[in-house]
């Protein structure tokens, strides 16, 4: 891989161009990595009753819709957030992905997937009893991301 830095004082925003013959796993990993570090990490505020909590989103296992709006699940707790799922998709780092109409999960925390051919597949997380279900539409993408993470 060849890396070149071109300094141009007229450029207002950092621009990264990847030149390649084909898009392969290495190029996709590089693109995701650059995307992750370039995102302005907005602080997500978590709520329980009248209390506000401030911690890194990497502690979140998954977000899901509930009667009270959007819930954020950690290993031991449930918090409410004041965003819609589509807003969270834009806001969260690339290691979060939508896995159903009502759920976004943290791919770094996935422990196992139990595939179900006829309906949603069960996803379990490290160190907790909590689980979510990934719809068939998202299953292949999730499996690909998890396999890529292994490499």
Foldseek 3Di string as FASTA:
>chain_A
DDDDDDDDPPDPDDDDDDDDPDDDLVNVVVVLVVQQVPADQDWWWWADDHDIDTDDLLQFFKWFQDPVGIWTDGQPDITDTDDHVVVVVVNDRPQWADQDPTMIGRLVFWDDWADDPPFWIWTDGPPHPDIDTGGPVCVVVSVVVNVSVVD
